[in-house]
Every structure is written in structure tokens, then in C-alpha cells.
Amino acid sequence: MDKSWDEELGEFLSELTRVQADCLALLGRKQQLLAALDLEGLAALEPTERQLVDRLQSCQTRRNELLAKARSLGLAGESLTKVTRELPGGLLRESDRKSRLLQMESAARQWQFLRHRALSQWLLTQRLVLHLSQLLEIIATSGQIQPTYKKDHSRVPDTAGGALVNEVI
């Protein structure tokens, strides 16, 4: 192997940090577009989202490669944090170990923050969809409490079929 464990881990963590920052920026932009109900802007973000997904998959692949390398060295490859803690001094100096562990801790906190932001955005989107469906129901029924469509038309006036279907404007 051309690179040391520390170099490979450092490159991985640097890319992961960049991807996390880009994800956070994308979520912020999506939140602005959702608040403005800018559907064209949201659609325009789709290629950027796909690129981020590709980069995240690349990070996952790289992580799995690092764990496989650790297993080949005889280390328990459950997590990069555990492997970094267990690496012998010949593969990783103690000062570098502390630095990498701090980077991993920071990346883990950033992922928690990103998950929280993504969940919040998902909830906001779901509430927006619910609100829009309620507005459509109000429009379809002309604000009537009656359901839009009924099977038993014998007891209900003709207009009870729904404003979009039967009501003349």
C-alpha cells in the first residue's frame, strides 16, 4: 500500500466533512425554496441531490475499504473509531490518533445535526402536503361539511356531488 493508514483515514475524513457541509448547504437551500413554494427551484436542485448521493455512496464504499484493510491487519473492523483506537503505534502515532478521533467525533456530531435537519424538513414537507390536501377538499366541497361524493343520491340535493363535478359557477 502506498499510503499510510493515517493518510487514507485523513483523506476519507476530509471528503466526508466536505460532503456533510454540502448536504447542510443543500438542506438550507431546500428549506428556503419550500418556504417560498418555489417548485422550479426545487426541481433544479435534483441534479445536485443526485451528485451528493453519489458522493455519499463513494464515502460509504471508501469506509468499507478502510474497514476491510483493518480486518486484513487483524483488527476488529466494526467501526473506524474502534479501529483507530486499536491501531498499533507503528501504524499511527499517538498524536495523529487523537487528532483523527477528534475528527471522527466531529463528523458523528455533524451527521446527527444533518439527520435532525433532514427529519425537520421532511416533517415540514408532510405538513405542507396535508395543508394543501385540506385546501383542495375545501375547494372541492365549496366549504360544505358534506363529503364530496355520496352513494345515496335519493336524500341529497344534486349539488352534493361536489363543486368540481356538479356545481355551476
N, C-alpha and C. Protein backbone atom coordinates (compact mmCIF):
# COMPACT_ATOMS: atom_id res chain seq x y z
N MET A 1 0.84 -1.18 0.00
CA MET A 1 0.00 0.00 0.00
C MET A 1 0.89 1.24 0.00
N ASP A 2 0.55 2.17 -0.86
CA ASP A 2 1.34 3.38 -1.00
C ASP A 2 1.12 4.36 0.14
N LYS A 3 -0.08 4.45 0.64
CA LYS A 3 -0.40 5.44 1.66
C LYS A 3 -0.47 4.79 3.03
N SER A 4 -0.14 5.58 4.04
CA SER A 4 -0.26 5.09 5.41
C SER A 4 -1.73 5.12 5.83
N TRP A 5 -2.01 4.41 6.91
CA TRP A 5 -3.37 4.39 7.45
C TRP A 5 -3.83 5.81 7.76
N ASP A 6 -2.95 6.60 8.35
CA ASP A 6 -3.28 7.97 8.72
C ASP A 6 -3.63 8.81 7.49
N GLU A 7 -2.87 8.67 6.41
CA GLU A 7 -3.16 9.42 5.18
C GLU A 7 -4.50 9.01 4.59
N GLU A 8 -4.75 7.72 4.53
CA GLU A 8 -6.01 7.24 3.97
C GLU A 8 -7.20 7.68 4.81
N LEU A 9 -7.05 7.57 6.11
CA LEU A 9 -8.12 7.98 7.02
C LEU A 9 -8.34 9.49 6.93
N GLY A 10 -7.25 10.23 6.85
CA GLY A 10 -7.35 11.68 6.73
C GLY A 10 -8.07 12.11 5.46
N GLU A 11 -7.74 11.47 4.34
CA GLU A 11 -8.42 11.78 3.07
C GLU A 11 -9.91 11.44 3.16
N PHE A 12 -10.23 10.30 3.75
CA PHE A 12 -11.62 9.90 3.91
C PHE A 12 -12.37 10.92 4.76
N LEU A 13 -11.82 11.29 5.90
CA LEU A 13 -12.49 12.24 6.80
C LEU A 13 -12.63 13.62 6.16
N SER A 14 -11.64 14.03 5.38
CA SER A 14 -11.74 15.32 4.69
C SER A 14 -12.88 15.31 3.68
N GLU A 15 -12.99 14.24 2.90
CA GLU A 15 -14.08 14.14 1.93
C GLU A 15 -15.43 14.05 2.64
N LEU A 16 -15.49 13.29 3.71
CA LEU A 16 -16.73 13.18 4.47
C LEU A 16 -17.15 14.54 5.02
N THR A 17 -16.22 15.31 5.51
CA THR A 17 -16.52 16.65 6.02
C THR A 17 -17.05 17.55 4.91
N ARG A 18 -16.43 17.47 3.72
CA ARG A 18 -16.91 18.28 2.58
C ARG A 18 -18.32 17.87 2.17
N VAL A 19 -18.58 16.56 2.14
CA VAL A 19 -19.91 16.08 1.77
C VAL A 19 -20.94 16.54 2.80
N GLN A 20 -20.60 16.46 4.06
CA GLN A 20 -21.51 16.91 5.11
C GLN A 20 -21.83 18.40 4.96
N ALA A 21 -20.82 19.20 4.69
CA ALA A 21 -21.04 20.64 4.50
C ALA A 21 -21.94 20.90 3.29
N ASP A 22 -21.73 20.15 2.22
CA ASP A 22 -22.56 20.31 1.03
C ASP A 22 -24.00 19.86 1.29
N CYS A 23 -24.17 18.80 2.07
CA CYS A 23 -25.52 18.35 2.43
C CYS A 23 -26.24 19.41 3.26
N LEU A 24 -25.53 19.99 4.19
CA LEU A 24 -26.11 21.03 5.03
C LEU A 24 -26.52 22.24 4.19
N ALA A 25 -25.66 22.63 3.25
CA ALA A 25 -25.98 23.75 2.37
C ALA A 25 -27.21 23.43 1.51
N LEU A 26 -27.28 22.20 1.01
CA LEU A 26 -28.42 21.80 0.19
C LEU A 26 -29.71 21.82 1.00
N LEU A 27 -29.66 21.30 2.22
CA LEU A 27 -30.85 21.33 3.07
C LEU A 27 -31.31 22.75 3.36
N GLY A 28 -30.36 23.65 3.58
CA GLY A 28 -30.71 25.05 3.80
C GLY A 28 -31.37 25.66 2.57
N ARG A 29 -30.82 25.36 1.42
CA ARG A 29 -31.41 25.89 0.17
C ARG A 29 -32.81 25.31 -0.06
N LYS A 30 -32.97 24.02 0.19
CA LYS A 30 -34.29 23.39 0.03
C LYS A 30 -35.31 24.01 0.98
N GLN A 31 -34.89 24.30 2.19
CA GLN A 31 -35.79 24.91 3.16
C GLN A 31 -36.26 26.28 2.66
N GLN A 32 -35.35 27.07 2.10
CA GLN A 32 -35.72 28.37 1.55
C GLN A 32 -36.71 28.21 0.40
N LEU A 33 -36.45 27.26 -0.48
CA LEU A 33 -37.33 27.04 -1.63
C LEU A 33 -38.69 26.53 -1.21
N LEU A 34 -38.73 25.66 -0.20
CA LEU A 34 -40.01 25.17 0.31
C LEU A 34 -40.81 26.31 0.92
N ALA A 35 -40.15 27.15 1.69
CA ALA A 35 -40.84 28.29 2.31
C ALA A 35 -41.40 29.24 1.26
N ALA A 36 -40.70 29.37 0.15
CA ALA A 36 -41.14 30.25 -0.94
C ALA A 36 -42.07 29.54 -1.92
N LEU A 37 -42.31 28.24 -1.70
CA LEU A 37 -43.11 27.41 -2.62
C LEU A 37 -42.59 27.51 -4.05
N ASP A 38 -41.27 27.49 -4.18
CA ASP A 38 -40.62 27.59 -5.49
C ASP A 38 -40.38 26.19 -6.04
N LEU A 39 -41.36 25.69 -6.77
CA LEU A 39 -41.28 24.31 -7.30
C LEU A 39 -40.21 24.19 -8.37
N GLU A 40 -40.03 25.23 -9.17
CA GLU A 40 -39.00 25.18 -10.21
C GLU A 40 -37.61 25.13 -9.56
N GLY A 41 -37.42 25.91 -8.52
CA GLY A 41 -36.15 25.89 -7.81
C GLY A 41 -35.87 24.54 -7.18
N LEU A 42 -36.92 23.92 -6.61
CA LEU A 42 -36.75 22.58 -6.02
C LEU A 42 -36.38 21.56 -7.09
N ALA A 43 -37.03 21.65 -8.24
CA ALA A 43 -36.72 20.72 -9.33
C ALA A 43 -35.29 20.91 -9.83
N ALA A 44 -34.83 22.16 -9.81
CA ALA A 44 -33.47 22.45 -10.27
C ALA A 44 -32.41 21.87 -9.34
N LEU A 45 -32.78 21.58 -8.10
CA LEU A 45 -31.82 21.01 -7.13
C LEU A 45 -31.61 19.51 -7.34
N GLU A 46 -32.45 18.88 -8.13
CA GLU A 46 -32.38 17.44 -8.30
C GLU A 46 -31.01 16.93 -8.75
N PRO A 47 -30.37 17.54 -9.76
CA PRO A 47 -29.03 17.05 -10.15
C PRO A 47 -28.01 17.17 -9.01
N THR A 48 -28.10 18.24 -8.25
CA THR A 48 -27.19 18.43 -7.11
C THR A 48 -27.42 17.34 -6.07
N GLU A 49 -28.68 17.03 -5.83
CA GLU A 49 -29.00 15.96 -4.87
C GLU A 49 -28.43 14.62 -5.34
N ARG A 50 -28.56 14.33 -6.63
CA ARG A 50 -28.03 13.07 -7.16
C ARG A 50 -26.52 13.01 -7.00
N GLN A 51 -25.84 14.13 -7.26
CA GLN A 51 -24.39 14.16 -7.09
C GLN A 51 -24.01 13.91 -5.64
N LEU A 52 -24.76 14.51 -4.72
CA LEU A 52 -24.47 14.29 -3.30
C LEU A 52 -24.70 12.84 -2.90
N VAL A 53 -25.74 12.24 -3.42
CA VAL A 53 -25.99 10.81 -3.13
C VAL A 53 -24.82 9.98 -3.64
N ASP A 54 -24.33 10.28 -4.84
CA ASP A 54 -23.18 9.56 -5.39
C ASP A 54 -21.95 9.74 -4.50
N ARG A 55 -21.74 10.96 -4.05
CA ARG A 55 -20.59 11.22 -3.18
C ARG A 55 -20.73 10.49 -1.84
N LEU A 56 -21.94 10.45 -1.30
CA LEU A 56 -22.18 9.72 -0.05
C LEU A 56 -21.94 8.23 -0.24
N GLN A 57 -22.38 7.69 -1.38
CA GLN A 57 -22.13 6.28 -1.66
C GLN A 57 -20.63 6.01 -1.80
N SER A 58 -19.92 6.95 -2.39
CA SER A 58 -18.47 6.82 -2.51
C SER A 58 -17.81 6.81 -1.13
N CYS A 59 -18.30 7.67 -0.24
CA CYS A 59 -17.77 7.68 1.13
C CYS A 59 -18.05 6.35 1.82
N GLN A 60 -19.24 5.80 1.62
CA GLN A 60 -19.58 4.52 2.22
C GLN A 60 -18.67 3.41 1.69
N THR A 61 -18.41 3.43 0.39
CA THR A 61 -17.52 2.44 -0.22
C THR A 61 -16.12 2.58 0.35
N ARG A 62 -15.65 3.81 0.45
CA ARG A 62 -14.30 4.06 0.99
C ARG A 62 -14.20 3.60 2.45
N ARG A 63 -15.25 3.85 3.23
CA ARG A 63 -15.28 3.41 4.63
C ARG A 63 -15.17 1.89 4.70
N ASN A 64 -15.94 1.20 3.85
CA ASN A 64 -15.90 -0.26 3.84
C ASN A 64 -14.52 -0.77 3.44
N GLU A 65 -13.86 -0.09 2.51
CA GLU A 65 -12.50 -0.47 2.11
C GLU A 65 -11.53 -0.31 3.27
N LEU A 66 -11.67 0.79 4.01
CA LEU A 66 -10.79 1.01 5.18
C LEU A 66 -11.03 -0.06 6.24
N LEU A 67 -12.28 -0.43 6.46
CA LEU A 67 -12.58 -1.47 7.44
C LEU A 67 -12.04 -2.83 6.98
N ALA A 68 -12.13 -3.10 5.68
CA ALA A 68 -11.58 -4.35 5.14
C ALA A 68 -10.07 -4.38 5.31
N LYS A 69 -9.42 -3.23 5.08
CA LYS A 69 -7.97 -3.15 5.27
C LYS A 69 -7.62 -3.41 6.74
N ALA A 70 -8.42 -2.87 7.65
CA ALA A 70 -8.18 -3.09 9.07
C ALA A 70 -8.33 -4.57 9.43
N ARG A 71 -9.34 -5.21 8.86
CA ARG A 71 -9.53 -6.64 9.12
C ARG A 71 -8.34 -7.45 8.59
N SER A 72 -7.80 -7.01 7.46
CA SER A 72 -6.64 -7.73 6.90
C SER A 72 -5.41 -7.56 7.80
N LEU A 73 -5.40 -6.50 8.60
CA LEU A 73 -4.31 -6.29 9.56
C LEU A 73 -4.58 -7.01 10.89
N GLY A 74 -5.73 -7.69 10.97
CA GLY A 74 -6.06 -8.43 12.19
C GLY A 74 -6.79 -7.61 13.23
N LEU A 75 -7.34 -6.46 12.83
CA LEU A 75 -8.07 -5.62 13.78
C LEU A 75 -9.57 -5.84 13.61
N ALA A 76 -10.30 -5.70 14.72
CA ALA A 76 -11.76 -5.80 14.65
C ALA A 76 -12.28 -4.61 13.87
N GLY A 77 -12.87 -4.88 12.73
CA GLY A 77 -13.29 -3.81 11.84
C GLY A 77 -14.75 -3.45 11.96
N GLU A 78 -15.24 -3.19 13.16
CA GLU A 78 -16.64 -2.83 13.36
C GLU A 78 -16.90 -1.36 13.03
N SER A 79 -15.97 -0.49 13.40
CA SER A 79 -16.12 0.94 13.12
C SER A 79 -14.73 1.54 12.97
N LEU A 80 -14.66 2.64 12.25
CA LEU A 80 -13.37 3.31 12.07
C LEU A 80 -12.84 3.86 13.39
N THR A 81 -13.74 4.27 14.24
CA THR A 81 -13.31 4.78 15.55
C THR A 81 -12.63 3.68 16.36
N LYS A 82 -13.25 2.51 16.39
CA LYS A 82 -12.68 1.39 17.14
C LYS A 82 -11.34 0.97 16.54
N VAL A 83 -11.28 0.89 15.22
CA VAL A 83 -10.05 0.50 14.55
C VAL A 83 -8.95 1.52 14.86
N THR A 84 -9.28 2.80 14.80
CA THR A 84 -8.27 3.84 15.05
C THR A 84 -7.76 3.76 16.48
N ARG A 85 -8.62 3.44 17.42
CA ARG A 85 -8.19 3.29 18.81
C ARG A 85 -7.25 2.09 18.99
N GLU A 86 -7.48 1.04 18.21
CA GLU A 86 -6.73 -0.21 18.40
C GLU A 86 -5.47 -0.30 17.54
N LEU A 87 -5.29 0.61 16.59
CA LEU A 87 -4.12 0.53 15.71
C LEU A 87 -2.83 0.58 16.52
N PRO A 88 -1.88 -0.26 16.17
CA PRO A 88 -0.60 -0.23 16.87
C PRO A 88 0.14 1.09 16.59
N GLY A 89 1.01 1.46 17.51
CA GLY A 89 1.76 2.70 17.38
C GLY A 89 2.60 2.77 16.10
N GLY A 90 2.98 1.64 15.55
CA GLY A 90 3.77 1.65 14.32
C GLY A 90 2.97 2.10 13.11
N LEU A 91 1.67 1.97 13.17
CA LEU A 91 0.83 2.37 12.04
C LEU A 91 0.24 3.77 12.23
N LEU A 92 0.17 4.22 13.49
CA LEU A 92 -0.43 5.52 13.76
C LEU A 92 0.17 6.09 15.04
N ARG A 93 0.79 7.27 14.89
CA ARG A 93 1.37 7.93 16.07
C ARG A 93 0.25 8.37 17.00
N GLU A 94 0.56 8.46 18.29
CA GLU A 94 -0.45 8.80 19.30
C GLU A 94 -1.06 10.18 19.05
N SER A 95 -0.25 11.15 18.64
CA SER A 95 -0.78 12.50 18.37
C SER A 95 -1.74 12.47 17.17
N ASP A 96 -1.39 11.68 16.16
CA ASP A 96 -2.27 11.54 14.99
C ASP A 96 -3.56 10.81 15.37
N ARG A 97 -3.44 9.83 16.24
CA ARG A 97 -4.61 9.07 16.69
C ARG A 97 -5.61 10.01 17.36
N LYS A 98 -5.13 10.85 18.25
CA LYS A 98 -6.02 11.79 18.95
C LYS A 98 -6.68 12.75 17.96
N SER A 99 -5.91 13.22 17.02
CA SER A 99 -6.43 14.15 16.01
C SER A 99 -7.53 13.49 15.17
N ARG A 100 -7.27 12.27 14.73
CA ARG A 100 -8.26 11.55 13.90
C ARG A 100 -9.51 11.21 14.72
N LEU A 101 -9.34 10.83 15.97
CA LEU A 101 -10.50 10.54 16.81
C LEU A 101 -11.37 11.78 17.02
N LEU A 102 -10.72 12.93 17.18
CA LEU A 102 -11.48 14.19 17.29
C LEU A 102 -12.22 14.50 16.00
N GLN A 103 -11.59 14.26 14.86
CA GLN A 103 -12.26 14.46 13.57
C GLN A 103 -13.47 13.55 13.44
N MET A 104 -13.32 12.30 13.85
CA MET A 104 -14.43 11.35 13.75
C MET A 104 -15.58 11.75 14.68
N GLU A 105 -15.23 12.22 15.87
CA GLU A 105 -16.26 12.67 16.80
C GLU A 105 -17.02 13.87 16.22
N SER A 106 -16.28 14.78 15.61
CA SER A 106 -16.90 15.95 14.98
C SER A 106 -17.81 15.52 13.82
N ALA A 107 -17.35 14.58 13.01
CA ALA A 107 -18.15 14.09 11.89
C ALA A 107 -19.42 13.41 12.39
N ALA A 108 -19.33 12.67 13.47
CA ALA A 108 -20.51 11.99 14.03
C ALA A 108 -21.53 13.02 14.54
N ARG A 109 -21.06 14.06 15.20
CA ARG A 109 -21.97 15.12 15.65
C ARG A 109 -22.63 15.82 14.47
N GLN A 110 -21.84 16.04 13.41
CA GLN A 110 -22.38 16.69 12.21
C GLN A 110 -23.47 15.83 11.58
N TRP A 111 -23.26 14.50 11.55
CA TRP A 111 -24.29 13.62 11.00
C TRP A 111 -25.56 13.67 11.82
N GLN A 112 -25.44 13.74 13.13
CA GLN A 112 -26.63 13.85 13.99
C GLN A 112 -27.38 15.13 13.65
N PHE A 113 -26.66 16.22 13.48
CA PHE A 113 -27.27 17.50 13.13
C PHE A 113 -27.95 17.42 11.76
N LEU A 114 -27.27 16.80 10.80
CA LEU A 114 -27.85 16.64 9.46
C LEU A 114 -29.12 15.78 9.49
N ARG A 115 -29.09 14.71 10.25
CA ARG A 115 -30.29 13.86 10.36
C ARG A 115 -31.45 14.65 10.95
N HIS A 116 -31.15 15.45 11.95
CA HIS A 116 -32.19 16.28 12.58
C HIS A 116 -32.76 17.28 11.57
N ARG A 117 -31.89 17.95 10.82
CA ARG A 117 -32.34 18.91 9.81
C ARG A 117 -33.16 18.23 8.72
N ALA A 118 -32.71 17.07 8.27
CA ALA A 118 -33.44 16.35 7.21
C ALA A 118 -34.81 15.90 7.72
N LEU A 119 -34.88 15.41 8.93
CA LEU A 119 -36.16 15.00 9.51
C LEU A 119 -37.08 16.20 9.66
N SER A 120 -36.55 17.30 10.13
CA SER A 120 -37.37 18.52 10.27
C SER A 120 -37.92 18.95 8.93
N GLN A 121 -37.09 18.89 7.90
CA GLN A 121 -37.53 19.27 6.57
C GLN A 121 -38.58 18.29 6.04
N TRP A 122 -38.41 17.02 6.30
CA TRP A 122 -39.40 16.04 5.88
C TRP A 122 -40.74 16.30 6.56
N LEU A 123 -40.70 16.58 7.87
CA LEU A 123 -41.93 16.88 8.60
C LEU A 123 -42.60 18.14 8.04
N LEU A 124 -41.83 19.16 7.75
CA LEU A 124 -42.36 20.38 7.16
C LEU A 124 -43.04 20.08 5.83
N THR A 125 -42.42 19.27 5.01
CA THR A 125 -42.97 18.91 3.72
C THR A 125 -44.27 18.14 3.89
N GLN A 126 -44.30 17.20 4.83
CA GLN A 126 -45.52 16.43 5.07
C GLN A 126 -46.66 17.32 5.54
N ARG A 127 -46.36 18.28 6.39
CA ARG A 127 -47.38 19.22 6.86
C ARG A 127 -47.89 20.07 5.71
N LEU A 128 -47.00 20.47 4.82
CA LEU A 128 -47.39 21.25 3.65
C LEU A 128 -48.33 20.45 2.75
N VAL A 129 -48.01 19.19 2.51
CA VAL A 129 -48.86 18.33 1.68
C VAL A 129 -50.23 18.16 2.34
N LEU A 130 -50.26 17.96 3.65
CA LEU A 130 -51.52 17.83 4.37
C LEU A 130 -52.34 19.11 4.24
N HIS A 131 -51.69 20.24 4.41
CA HIS A 131 -52.38 21.53 4.30
C HIS A 131 -52.96 21.71 2.90
N LEU A 132 -52.19 21.39 1.87
CA LEU A 132 -52.67 21.53 0.50
C LEU A 132 -53.83 20.58 0.21
N SER A 133 -53.78 19.37 0.75
CA SER A 133 -54.89 18.44 0.52
C SER A 133 -56.15 18.93 1.22
N GLN A 134 -56.01 19.56 2.38
CA GLN A 134 -57.17 20.12 3.07
C GLN A 134 -57.75 21.29 2.28
N LEU A 135 -56.89 22.11 1.71
CA LEU A 135 -57.37 23.21 0.87
C LEU A 135 -58.13 22.69 -0.35
N LEU A 136 -57.60 21.65 -0.97
CA LEU A 136 -58.29 21.05 -2.11
C LEU A 136 -59.65 20.49 -1.71
N GLU A 137 -59.74 19.90 -0.55
CA GLU A 137 -61.02 19.38 -0.07
C GLU A 137 -62.02 20.51 0.14
N ILE A 138 -61.56 21.60 0.70
CA ILE A 138 -62.44 22.76 0.90
C ILE A 138 -62.92 23.30 -0.45
N ILE A 139 -62.02 23.39 -1.40
CA ILE A 139 -62.40 23.86 -2.74
C ILE A 139 -63.38 22.90 -3.40
N ALA A 140 -63.11 21.61 -3.29
CA ALA A 140 -63.94 20.60 -3.94
C ALA A 140 -65.34 20.55 -3.35
N THR A 141 -65.51 20.86 -2.06
CA THR A 141 -66.82 20.76 -1.41
C THR A 141 -67.46 22.12 -1.20
N SER A 142 -66.87 23.16 -1.74
CA SER A 142 -67.36 24.53 -1.55
C SER A 142 -67.48 24.86 -0.07
N GLY A 143 -66.64 24.28 0.73
CA GLY A 143 -66.63 24.55 2.16
C GLY A 143 -67.73 23.83 2.92
N GLN A 144 -68.49 22.96 2.26
CA GLN A 144 -69.57 22.21 2.90
C GLN A 144 -68.98 21.09 3.75
N ILE A 145 -69.71 20.74 4.79
CA ILE A 145 -69.29 19.64 5.64
C ILE A 145 -69.54 18.30 4.97
N GLN A 146 -70.48 18.28 4.03
CA GLN A 146 -70.84 17.04 3.34
C GLN A 146 -69.63 16.48 2.60
N PRO A 147 -69.58 15.17 2.47
CA PRO A 147 -68.49 14.59 1.68
C PRO A 147 -68.63 14.98 0.21
N THR A 148 -67.55 14.95 -0.50
CA THR A 148 -67.55 15.34 -1.91
C THR A 148 -68.46 14.43 -2.73
N TYR A 149 -68.45 13.13 -2.46
CA TYR A 149 -69.25 12.19 -3.24
C TYR A 149 -70.03 11.30 -2.30
N LYS A 150 -71.30 11.04 -2.63
CA LYS A 150 -72.14 10.15 -1.83
C LYS A 150 -72.74 9.10 -2.74
N LYS A 151 -72.95 7.91 -2.21
CA LYS A 151 -73.57 6.84 -2.99
C LYS A 151 -75.08 6.99 -3.04
N ASP A 152 -75.68 7.43 -1.95
CA ASP A 152 -77.14 7.53 -1.87
C ASP A 152 -77.56 8.94 -2.30
N HIS A 153 -77.95 9.10 -3.58
CA HIS A 153 -78.34 10.41 -4.11
C HIS A 153 -79.81 10.72 -3.89
N SER A 154 -80.59 9.77 -3.35
CA SER A 154 -82.04 9.98 -3.19
C SER A 154 -82.36 11.01 -2.12
N ARG A 155 -81.55 11.12 -1.07
CA ARG A 155 -81.84 12.03 0.03
C ARG A 155 -81.00 13.30 -0.03
N VAL A 156 -80.12 13.43 -1.00
CA VAL A 156 -79.18 14.55 -1.04
C VAL A 156 -79.45 15.37 -2.29
N PRO A 157 -79.42 16.71 -2.18
CA PRO A 157 -79.61 17.52 -3.38
C PRO A 157 -78.52 17.26 -4.41
N ASP A 158 -78.80 17.64 -5.67
CA ASP A 158 -77.86 17.39 -6.77
C ASP A 158 -76.50 18.05 -6.55
N THR A 159 -76.44 19.15 -5.82
CA THR A 159 -75.17 19.85 -5.64
C THR A 159 -74.24 19.14 -4.67
N ALA A 160 -74.72 18.11 -3.98
CA ALA A 160 -73.88 17.40 -3.02
C ALA A 160 -72.85 16.52 -3.70
N GLY A 161 -72.86 16.43 -5.00
CA GLY A 161 -71.89 15.62 -5.73
C GLY A 161 -70.53 16.26 -5.77
N GLY A 162 -70.41 17.46 -5.30
CA GLY A 162 -69.11 18.13 -5.28
C GLY A 162 -69.09 19.33 -6.20
N ALA A 163 -68.49 20.40 -5.76
CA ALA A 163 -68.47 21.64 -6.52
C ALA A 163 -67.71 21.48 -7.83
N LEU A 164 -66.70 20.64 -7.82
CA LEU A 164 -65.91 20.49 -9.05
C LEU A 164 -66.66 19.69 -10.11
N VAL A 165 -67.61 18.87 -9.69
CA VAL A 165 -68.31 18.00 -10.63
C VAL A 165 -69.66 18.57 -11.04
N ASN A 166 -70.47 19.02 -10.07
CA ASN A 166 -71.86 19.35 -10.36
C ASN A 166 -72.23 20.83 -10.26
N GLU A 167 -71.52 21.60 -9.50
CA GLU A 167 -71.93 22.98 -9.27
C GLU A 167 -71.60 23.86 -10.47
N VAL A 168 -72.56 24.66 -10.87
CA VAL A 168 -72.35 25.60 -11.97
C VAL A 168 -71.89 26.91 -11.38
N ILE A 169 -70.81 27.41 -11.92
CA ILE A 169 -70.25 28.65 -11.38
C ILE A 169 -70.70 29.83 -12.20
